[in-house]
Amino acid sequence: MYPEHTRHTSAERAVEVHRPTPLPPAVMAPAPLVPVQPGAVPSVASILLPDGRVVTGYAINPAQPEPLAAKPAVSRAAVNVALGGVGFLAVCGGLLLLTTFITALTALITQLIMLAAVVFGGWIAVQIFKPHGHRGGTTVNIRKAIFKRNHFHG
C-alpha cells in the first residue's frame, strides 16, 4: 500500500518554489479629515513607577448604563383598594379559623359531657342494682333517738 522507502540524495529531490503574486493597490480617494471637538476634556492621570519613571495617560471612565424608563405612578385609590382586599382576605381567613376552633371546642365539650354522663350513670346503676344483703354497721336516727347496733351471732 505504501511505497517502500528508498534513499535519494539531496540533489535528486525536486524543489518547488512558490512566489506570491502582488495585487495591484486599490485606488481610493482619501477621506477628508473633519476635526471633532470632544464634549468634555478628559482627565489626564500620571503614575510614578518604582524605578522613577512617570507614565501619563487618559483615565478611562466606565460606561454608564442606560437610565431605566420611569415607572408610571400608581394612584392612591388603587393602593387603597389593593390593601383593603388584602385586609378583607386576612379577616375572612381569621374568621374561618375562628369558626373551626369554635366547632372543635363544641365537639370536645359535648364529648366530655357524654363521658361524665356515662361514668356517673354507671356509678348510679351499680349503686341501685347492688345486692341488698346484710349490711353491717350502726344505724343512728337522731330525730327519733333510735340506735341500732350490730348483732353478732357466734
N, C-alpha and C. Protein backbone atom coordinates (compact mmCIF):
# COMPACT_ATOMS: atom_id res chain seq x y z
N MET A 1 0.82 -1.17 0.00
CA MET A 1 0.00 0.00 0.00
C MET A 1 0.88 1.25 0.00
N TYR A 2 1.89 1.28 0.84
CA TYR A 2 2.83 2.39 0.85
C TYR A 2 4.07 1.97 0.07
N PRO A 3 4.64 2.94 -0.65
CA PRO A 3 5.87 2.54 -1.39
C PRO A 3 7.01 2.31 -0.42
N GLU A 4 7.86 1.45 -0.83
CA GLU A 4 8.99 1.16 0.03
C GLU A 4 9.91 2.36 0.11
N HIS A 5 10.51 2.48 1.25
CA HIS A 5 11.39 3.62 1.47
C HIS A 5 12.69 3.42 0.69
N THR A 6 13.02 4.40 -0.12
CA THR A 6 14.28 4.33 -0.87
C THR A 6 15.08 5.58 -0.56
N ARG A 7 16.36 5.43 -0.57
CA ARG A 7 17.24 6.56 -0.28
C ARG A 7 17.49 7.35 -1.55
N HIS A 8 17.28 8.68 -1.39
CA HIS A 8 17.58 9.57 -2.51
C HIS A 8 18.58 10.59 -2.01
N THR A 9 19.42 10.96 -2.81
CA THR A 9 20.36 12.00 -2.43
C THR A 9 19.64 13.34 -2.54
N SER A 10 20.18 14.33 -1.88
CA SER A 10 19.51 15.62 -1.84
C SER A 10 19.43 16.26 -3.22
N ALA A 11 20.31 15.94 -4.11
CA ALA A 11 20.27 16.54 -5.44
C ALA A 11 19.14 15.95 -6.26
N GLU A 12 18.76 14.75 -5.95
CA GLU A 12 17.71 14.10 -6.73
C GLU A 12 16.31 14.61 -6.35
N ARG A 13 16.19 15.19 -5.20
CA ARG A 13 14.87 15.66 -4.78
C ARG A 13 14.50 16.90 -5.58
N ALA A 14 13.20 16.98 -5.94
CA ALA A 14 12.74 18.13 -6.70
C ALA A 14 12.32 19.21 -5.71
N VAL A 15 12.76 20.42 -5.94
CA VAL A 15 12.42 21.54 -5.07
C VAL A 15 11.53 22.47 -5.88
N GLU A 16 10.42 22.80 -5.31
CA GLU A 16 9.49 23.68 -5.99
C GLU A 16 9.35 24.93 -5.15
N VAL A 17 9.51 26.10 -5.73
CA VAL A 17 9.48 27.36 -5.02
C VAL A 17 8.25 28.12 -5.49
N HIS A 18 7.49 28.61 -4.53
CA HIS A 18 6.30 29.42 -4.83
C HIS A 18 6.59 30.85 -4.45
N ARG A 19 6.29 31.74 -5.34
CA ARG A 19 6.46 33.16 -5.06
C ARG A 19 5.09 33.81 -5.14
N PRO A 20 4.75 34.66 -4.12
CA PRO A 20 3.43 35.29 -4.16
C PRO A 20 3.34 36.34 -5.26
N THR A 21 2.15 36.47 -5.79
CA THR A 21 1.91 37.46 -6.84
C THR A 21 1.32 38.70 -6.17
N PRO A 22 1.97 39.86 -6.32
CA PRO A 22 1.43 41.06 -5.68
C PRO A 22 0.15 41.53 -6.37
N LEU A 23 -0.78 42.04 -5.56
CA LEU A 23 -2.02 42.58 -6.08
C LEU A 23 -1.83 44.07 -6.34
N PRO A 24 -2.47 44.55 -7.35
CA PRO A 24 -2.35 46.00 -7.60
C PRO A 24 -3.07 46.76 -6.50
N PRO A 25 -2.55 47.89 -6.02
CA PRO A 25 -3.20 48.64 -4.95
C PRO A 25 -4.52 49.24 -5.45
N ALA A 26 -5.49 49.24 -4.57
CA ALA A 26 -6.79 49.80 -4.90
C ALA A 26 -6.69 51.31 -4.86
N VAL A 27 -7.29 51.92 -5.82
CA VAL A 27 -7.23 53.38 -5.91
C VAL A 27 -8.44 53.92 -5.15
N MET A 28 -8.16 54.66 -4.09
CA MET A 28 -9.23 55.22 -3.28
C MET A 28 -8.91 56.67 -3.01
N ALA A 29 -9.98 57.44 -2.92
CA ALA A 29 -9.78 58.84 -2.59
C ALA A 29 -9.63 58.94 -1.08
N PRO A 30 -8.69 59.71 -0.62
CA PRO A 30 -8.53 59.82 0.82
C PRO A 30 -9.74 60.52 1.44
N ALA A 31 -10.16 60.02 2.60
CA ALA A 31 -11.31 60.60 3.29
C ALA A 31 -10.89 61.92 3.91
N PRO A 32 -11.75 62.93 3.78
CA PRO A 32 -11.39 64.22 4.37
C PRO A 32 -11.44 64.13 5.90
N LEU A 33 -10.49 64.72 6.52
CA LEU A 33 -10.44 64.73 7.98
C LEU A 33 -11.28 65.88 8.50
N VAL A 34 -12.22 65.53 9.40
CA VAL A 34 -13.07 66.54 10.00
C VAL A 34 -12.70 66.62 11.47
N PRO A 35 -12.26 67.76 11.92
CA PRO A 35 -11.91 67.86 13.34
C PRO A 35 -13.18 67.79 14.21
N VAL A 36 -13.14 66.95 15.23
CA VAL A 36 -14.27 66.78 16.15
C VAL A 36 -13.80 67.21 17.53
N GLN A 37 -14.55 68.12 18.10
CA GLN A 37 -14.21 68.59 19.44
C GLN A 37 -14.84 67.65 20.46
N PRO A 38 -14.08 67.20 21.45
CA PRO A 38 -14.67 66.34 22.47
C PRO A 38 -15.67 67.13 23.32
N GLY A 39 -16.67 66.42 23.85
CA GLY A 39 -17.70 67.06 24.66
C GLY A 39 -17.11 67.60 25.95
N ALA A 40 -16.18 66.90 26.53
CA ALA A 40 -15.55 67.35 27.76
C ALA A 40 -14.07 66.97 27.68
N VAL A 41 -13.26 67.76 28.31
CA VAL A 41 -11.83 67.48 28.29
C VAL A 41 -11.56 66.30 29.22
N PRO A 42 -11.00 65.21 28.68
CA PRO A 42 -10.74 64.07 29.55
C PRO A 42 -9.62 64.39 30.53
N SER A 43 -9.71 63.75 31.68
CA SER A 43 -8.69 63.99 32.69
C SER A 43 -7.46 63.13 32.40
N VAL A 44 -6.28 63.70 32.68
CA VAL A 44 -5.03 63.00 32.44
C VAL A 44 -4.50 62.52 33.78
N ALA A 45 -4.15 61.23 33.83
CA ALA A 45 -3.64 60.65 35.07
C ALA A 45 -2.16 60.33 34.90
N SER A 46 -1.37 60.56 35.94
CA SER A 46 0.05 60.24 35.94
C SER A 46 0.32 59.27 37.07
N ILE A 47 1.17 58.28 36.77
CA ILE A 47 1.54 57.27 37.77
C ILE A 47 3.05 57.25 37.88
N LEU A 48 3.57 57.26 39.09
CA LEU A 48 5.01 57.18 39.33
C LEU A 48 5.36 55.72 39.58
N LEU A 49 6.19 55.15 38.72
CA LEU A 49 6.60 53.76 38.86
C LEU A 49 7.73 53.65 39.88
N PRO A 50 7.96 52.46 40.44
CA PRO A 50 9.00 52.30 41.47
C PRO A 50 10.41 52.65 40.97
N ASP A 51 10.66 52.51 39.67
CA ASP A 51 12.01 52.82 39.19
C ASP A 51 12.19 54.30 38.86
N GLY A 52 11.17 55.14 39.15
CA GLY A 52 11.31 56.58 38.97
C GLY A 52 10.67 57.10 37.70
N ARG A 53 10.23 56.24 36.80
CA ARG A 53 9.59 56.71 35.56
C ARG A 53 8.16 57.15 35.85
N VAL A 54 7.68 58.09 35.06
CA VAL A 54 6.32 58.59 35.19
C VAL A 54 5.55 58.19 33.94
N VAL A 55 4.41 57.54 34.12
CA VAL A 55 3.56 57.15 33.00
C VAL A 55 2.33 58.03 33.05
N THR A 56 2.03 58.70 31.94
CA THR A 56 0.89 59.61 31.86
C THR A 56 -0.07 59.09 30.81
N GLY A 57 -1.36 59.15 31.13
CA GLY A 57 -2.37 58.70 30.16
C GLY A 57 -3.74 59.19 30.57
N TYR A 58 -4.68 58.95 29.69
CA TYR A 58 -6.05 59.37 29.95
C TYR A 58 -6.75 58.32 30.80
N ALA A 59 -7.52 58.78 31.75
CA ALA A 59 -8.31 57.86 32.57
C ALA A 59 -9.53 57.42 31.76
N ILE A 60 -9.82 56.16 31.82
CA ILE A 60 -10.97 55.63 31.09
C ILE A 60 -12.14 55.56 32.07
N ASN A 61 -13.16 56.30 31.75
CA ASN A 61 -14.35 56.29 32.60
C ASN A 61 -15.19 55.05 32.25
N PRO A 62 -15.72 54.36 33.27
CA PRO A 62 -16.55 53.20 32.96
C PRO A 62 -17.83 53.62 32.24
N ALA A 63 -18.31 52.74 31.40
CA ALA A 63 -19.52 53.04 30.64
C ALA A 63 -20.70 53.10 31.59
N GLN A 64 -21.49 54.15 31.46
CA GLN A 64 -22.68 54.31 32.30
C GLN A 64 -23.84 53.56 31.66
N PRO A 65 -24.59 52.79 32.46
CA PRO A 65 -25.73 52.08 31.88
C PRO A 65 -26.83 53.06 31.50
N GLU A 66 -27.66 52.63 30.58
CA GLU A 66 -28.77 53.47 30.15
C GLU A 66 -29.72 53.67 31.31
N PRO A 67 -30.24 54.87 31.50
CA PRO A 67 -31.19 55.07 32.60
C PRO A 67 -32.48 54.30 32.32
N LEU A 68 -33.05 53.74 33.39
CA LEU A 68 -34.28 52.99 33.25
C LEU A 68 -35.43 53.94 32.98
N ALA A 69 -36.39 53.43 32.24
CA ALA A 69 -37.56 54.25 31.96
C ALA A 69 -38.34 54.45 33.26
N ALA A 70 -38.85 55.64 33.44
CA ALA A 70 -39.58 55.95 34.66
C ALA A 70 -40.88 55.15 34.70
N LYS A 71 -41.15 54.55 35.85
CA LYS A 71 -42.38 53.77 36.01
C LYS A 71 -43.55 54.73 36.18
N PRO A 72 -44.70 54.35 35.65
CA PRO A 72 -45.84 55.23 35.85
C PRO A 72 -46.28 55.22 37.31
N ALA A 73 -46.71 56.35 37.79
CA ALA A 73 -47.13 56.46 39.19
C ALA A 73 -48.41 55.67 39.41
N VAL A 74 -48.53 55.03 40.56
CA VAL A 74 -49.72 54.28 40.92
C VAL A 74 -50.61 55.19 41.76
N SER A 75 -51.87 55.22 41.43
CA SER A 75 -52.77 56.13 42.15
C SER A 75 -53.00 55.64 43.57
N ARG A 76 -53.30 56.57 44.45
CA ARG A 76 -53.56 56.22 45.86
C ARG A 76 -54.81 55.37 45.98
N ALA A 77 -55.79 55.61 45.11
CA ALA A 77 -57.03 54.83 45.18
C ALA A 77 -56.75 53.37 44.88
N ALA A 78 -55.88 53.11 43.89
CA ALA A 78 -55.56 51.72 43.55
C ALA A 78 -54.82 51.04 44.71
N VAL A 79 -53.92 51.77 45.36
CA VAL A 79 -53.20 51.22 46.51
C VAL A 79 -54.17 50.92 47.64
N ASN A 80 -55.10 51.83 47.91
CA ASN A 80 -56.07 51.62 48.99
C ASN A 80 -56.98 50.43 48.71
N VAL A 81 -57.41 50.29 47.45
CA VAL A 81 -58.26 49.15 47.10
C VAL A 81 -57.50 47.85 47.27
N ALA A 82 -56.23 47.82 46.85
CA ALA A 82 -55.44 46.60 47.00
C ALA A 82 -55.22 46.25 48.46
N LEU A 83 -54.89 47.24 49.29
CA LEU A 83 -54.69 46.98 50.72
C LEU A 83 -56.00 46.55 51.38
N GLY A 84 -57.10 47.14 50.96
CA GLY A 84 -58.39 46.73 51.51
C GLY A 84 -58.72 45.28 51.16
N GLY A 85 -58.39 44.88 49.92
CA GLY A 85 -58.62 43.48 49.52
C GLY A 85 -57.77 42.51 50.32
N VAL A 86 -56.51 42.88 50.56
CA VAL A 86 -55.64 42.01 51.37
C VAL A 86 -56.15 41.92 52.79
N GLY A 87 -56.59 43.04 53.35
CA GLY A 87 -57.14 43.02 54.71
C GLY A 87 -58.41 42.19 54.80
N PHE A 88 -59.28 42.30 53.79
CA PHE A 88 -60.52 41.53 53.78
C PHE A 88 -60.22 40.03 53.73
N LEU A 89 -59.25 39.64 52.90
CA LEU A 89 -58.88 38.21 52.83
C LEU A 89 -58.30 37.73 54.15
N ALA A 90 -57.53 38.57 54.82
CA ALA A 90 -56.96 38.17 56.12
C ALA A 90 -58.07 37.99 57.15
N VAL A 91 -59.06 38.89 57.15
CA VAL A 91 -60.17 38.78 58.10
C VAL A 91 -60.98 37.53 57.81
N CYS A 92 -61.25 37.26 56.54
CA CYS A 92 -62.02 36.06 56.18
C CYS A 92 -61.28 34.79 56.62
N GLY A 93 -59.98 34.77 56.42
CA GLY A 93 -59.20 33.60 56.86
C GLY A 93 -59.25 33.45 58.37
N GLY A 94 -59.15 34.57 59.10
CA GLY A 94 -59.22 34.51 60.56
C GLY A 94 -60.58 34.04 61.04
N LEU A 95 -61.65 34.52 60.41
CA LEU A 95 -62.99 34.08 60.79
C LEU A 95 -63.20 32.60 60.50
N LEU A 96 -62.63 32.13 59.38
CA LEU A 96 -62.74 30.71 59.06
C LEU A 96 -62.03 29.87 60.13
N LEU A 97 -60.85 30.31 60.56
CA LEU A 97 -60.14 29.59 61.61
C LEU A 97 -60.89 29.69 62.95
N LEU A 98 -61.52 30.84 63.21
CA LEU A 98 -62.26 31.00 64.45
C LEU A 98 -63.46 30.07 64.49
N THR A 99 -64.19 29.98 63.39
CA THR A 99 -65.36 29.08 63.36
C THR A 99 -64.91 27.62 63.48
N THR A 100 -63.80 27.29 62.87
CA THR A 100 -63.28 25.92 63.00
C THR A 100 -62.91 25.64 64.45
N PHE A 101 -62.29 26.60 65.13
CA PHE A 101 -61.92 26.43 66.54
C PHE A 101 -63.15 26.28 67.41
N ILE A 102 -64.17 27.10 67.16
CA ILE A 102 -65.40 27.01 67.96
C ILE A 102 -66.08 25.66 67.75
N THR A 103 -66.11 25.18 66.51
CA THR A 103 -66.71 23.87 66.23
C THR A 103 -65.97 22.76 66.96
N ALA A 104 -64.65 22.80 66.94
CA ALA A 104 -63.86 21.77 67.62
C ALA A 104 -64.05 21.85 69.13
N LEU A 105 -64.12 23.06 69.67
CA LEU A 105 -64.33 23.22 71.12
C LEU A 105 -65.71 22.71 71.53
N THR A 106 -66.72 22.96 70.71
CA THR A 106 -68.06 22.46 70.99
C THR A 106 -68.08 20.94 70.98
N ALA A 107 -67.42 20.32 70.02
CA ALA A 107 -67.37 18.85 69.96
C ALA A 107 -66.65 18.29 71.18
N LEU A 108 -65.58 18.95 71.63
CA LEU A 108 -64.85 18.48 72.81
C LEU A 108 -65.73 18.56 74.07
N ILE A 109 -66.42 19.68 74.23
CA ILE A 109 -67.28 19.83 75.42
C ILE A 109 -68.41 18.80 75.38
N THR A 110 -68.99 18.57 74.21
CA THR A 110 -70.05 17.57 74.08
C THR A 110 -69.54 16.18 74.46
N GLN A 111 -68.36 15.83 74.01
CA GLN A 111 -67.80 14.51 74.33
C GLN A 111 -67.48 14.40 75.83
N LEU A 112 -67.00 15.47 76.44
CA LEU A 112 -66.73 15.43 77.88
C LEU A 112 -68.03 15.26 78.68
N ILE A 113 -69.10 15.92 78.26
CA ILE A 113 -70.39 15.78 78.94
C ILE A 113 -70.90 14.34 78.81
N MET A 114 -70.77 13.78 77.61
CA MET A 114 -71.22 12.40 77.41
C MET A 114 -70.40 11.43 78.26
N LEU A 115 -69.10 11.66 78.35
CA LEU A 115 -68.25 10.79 79.16
C LEU A 115 -68.65 10.88 80.63
N ALA A 116 -68.88 12.09 81.11
CA ALA A 116 -69.29 12.25 82.50
C ALA A 116 -70.64 11.58 82.75
N ALA A 117 -71.58 11.68 81.80
CA ALA A 117 -72.89 11.05 81.96
C ALA A 117 -72.76 9.53 82.01
N VAL A 118 -71.89 8.98 81.17
CA VAL A 118 -71.72 7.52 81.15
C VAL A 118 -71.09 7.06 82.45
N VAL A 119 -70.05 7.76 82.91
CA VAL A 119 -69.37 7.34 84.15
C VAL A 119 -70.30 7.51 85.35
N PHE A 120 -70.95 8.66 85.46
CA PHE A 120 -71.84 8.91 86.60
C PHE A 120 -73.07 7.99 86.56
N GLY A 121 -73.60 7.76 85.35
CA GLY A 121 -74.74 6.85 85.21
C GLY A 121 -74.36 5.43 85.58
N GLY A 122 -73.17 5.02 85.22
CA GLY A 122 -72.70 3.68 85.59
C GLY A 122 -72.55 3.55 87.09
N TRP A 123 -72.05 4.59 87.75
CA TRP A 123 -71.90 4.55 89.20
C TRP A 123 -73.26 4.45 89.88
N ILE A 124 -74.25 5.21 89.36
CA ILE A 124 -75.60 5.15 89.92
C ILE A 124 -76.20 3.76 89.70
N ALA A 125 -76.00 3.20 88.50
CA ALA A 125 -76.55 1.87 88.22
C ALA A 125 -75.95 0.83 89.15
N VAL A 126 -74.67 0.93 89.42
CA VAL A 126 -74.04 -0.02 90.33
C VAL A 126 -74.64 0.14 91.72
N GLN A 127 -74.90 1.35 92.16
CA GLN A 127 -75.47 1.57 93.49
C GLN A 127 -76.90 1.02 93.57
N ILE A 128 -77.65 1.17 92.50
CA ILE A 128 -79.05 0.72 92.51
C ILE A 128 -79.14 -0.80 92.45
N PHE A 129 -78.39 -1.37 91.53
CA PHE A 129 -78.54 -2.80 91.29
C PHE A 129 -77.62 -3.67 92.13
N LYS A 130 -76.97 -3.12 93.15
CA LYS A 130 -76.11 -3.89 94.02
C LYS A 130 -77.01 -4.75 94.93
N PRO A 131 -76.62 -5.99 95.18
CA PRO A 131 -77.46 -6.84 96.05
C PRO A 131 -77.55 -6.24 97.45
N HIS A 132 -78.78 -6.29 98.04
CA HIS A 132 -79.01 -5.71 99.35
C HIS A 132 -78.91 -6.79 100.42
N GLY A 133 -77.82 -7.36 100.62
CA GLY A 133 -77.65 -8.37 101.66
C GLY A 133 -77.55 -7.69 103.01
N HIS A 134 -77.11 -8.43 104.02
CA HIS A 134 -76.96 -7.90 105.36
C HIS A 134 -75.87 -6.84 105.35
N ARG A 135 -76.26 -5.65 105.71
CA ARG A 135 -75.28 -4.57 105.75
C ARG A 135 -74.83 -4.41 107.19
N GLY A 136 -73.59 -4.37 107.38
CA GLY A 136 -73.08 -4.22 108.73
C GLY A 136 -72.99 -2.76 109.11
N GLY A 137 -72.74 -2.48 110.32
CA GLY A 137 -72.56 -1.12 110.77
C GLY A 137 -73.66 -0.68 111.72
N THR A 138 -73.59 0.52 112.18
CA THR A 138 -74.54 1.08 113.14
C THR A 138 -75.44 2.08 112.45
N THR A 139 -76.74 2.01 112.70
CA THR A 139 -77.69 2.98 112.16
C THR A 139 -78.07 3.91 113.26
N VAL A 140 -77.99 5.18 113.03
CA VAL A 140 -78.33 6.16 114.05
C VAL A 140 -79.37 7.09 113.47
N ASN A 141 -80.52 7.19 114.09
CA ASN A 141 -81.53 8.13 113.68
C ASN A 141 -81.68 9.12 114.83
N ILE A 142 -81.14 10.29 114.67
CA ILE A 142 -81.08 11.21 115.79
C ILE A 142 -82.45 11.78 116.11
N ARG A 143 -83.34 12.00 115.19
CA ARG A 143 -84.64 12.60 115.46
C ARG A 143 -85.48 11.73 116.39
N LYS A 144 -85.48 10.45 116.09
CA LYS A 144 -86.30 9.57 116.92
C LYS A 144 -85.48 8.91 118.01
N ALA A 145 -84.24 9.22 118.02
CA ALA A 145 -83.35 8.67 119.04
C ALA A 145 -83.38 7.16 119.05
N ILE A 146 -83.25 6.57 117.90
CA ILE A 146 -83.23 5.12 117.79
C ILE A 146 -81.81 4.71 117.44
N PHE A 147 -81.28 3.86 118.23
CA PHE A 147 -79.94 3.35 117.98
C PHE A 147 -80.05 1.87 117.74
N LYS A 148 -79.48 1.42 116.65
CA LYS A 148 -79.49 0.00 116.37
C LYS A 148 -78.06 -0.44 116.25
N ARG A 149 -77.70 -1.51 116.96
CA ARG A 149 -76.33 -1.98 116.95
C ARG A 149 -76.24 -3.30 116.22
N ASN A 150 -75.03 -3.61 115.85
CA ASN A 150 -74.79 -4.90 115.20
C ASN A 150 -75.02 -6.04 116.17
N HIS A 151 -75.63 -7.04 115.67
CA HIS A 151 -75.78 -8.25 116.49
C HIS A 151 -74.84 -9.28 115.94
N PHE A 152 -73.97 -9.71 116.77
CA PHE A 152 -73.01 -10.72 116.35
C PHE A 152 -73.50 -12.06 116.87
N HIS A 153 -73.62 -12.97 116.01
CA HIS A 153 -74.01 -14.34 116.40
C HIS A 153 -72.80 -15.21 116.20
N GLY A 154 -72.46 -15.85 117.17
CA GLY A 154 -71.28 -16.64 117.08
C GLY A 154 -71.48 -18.06 117.28
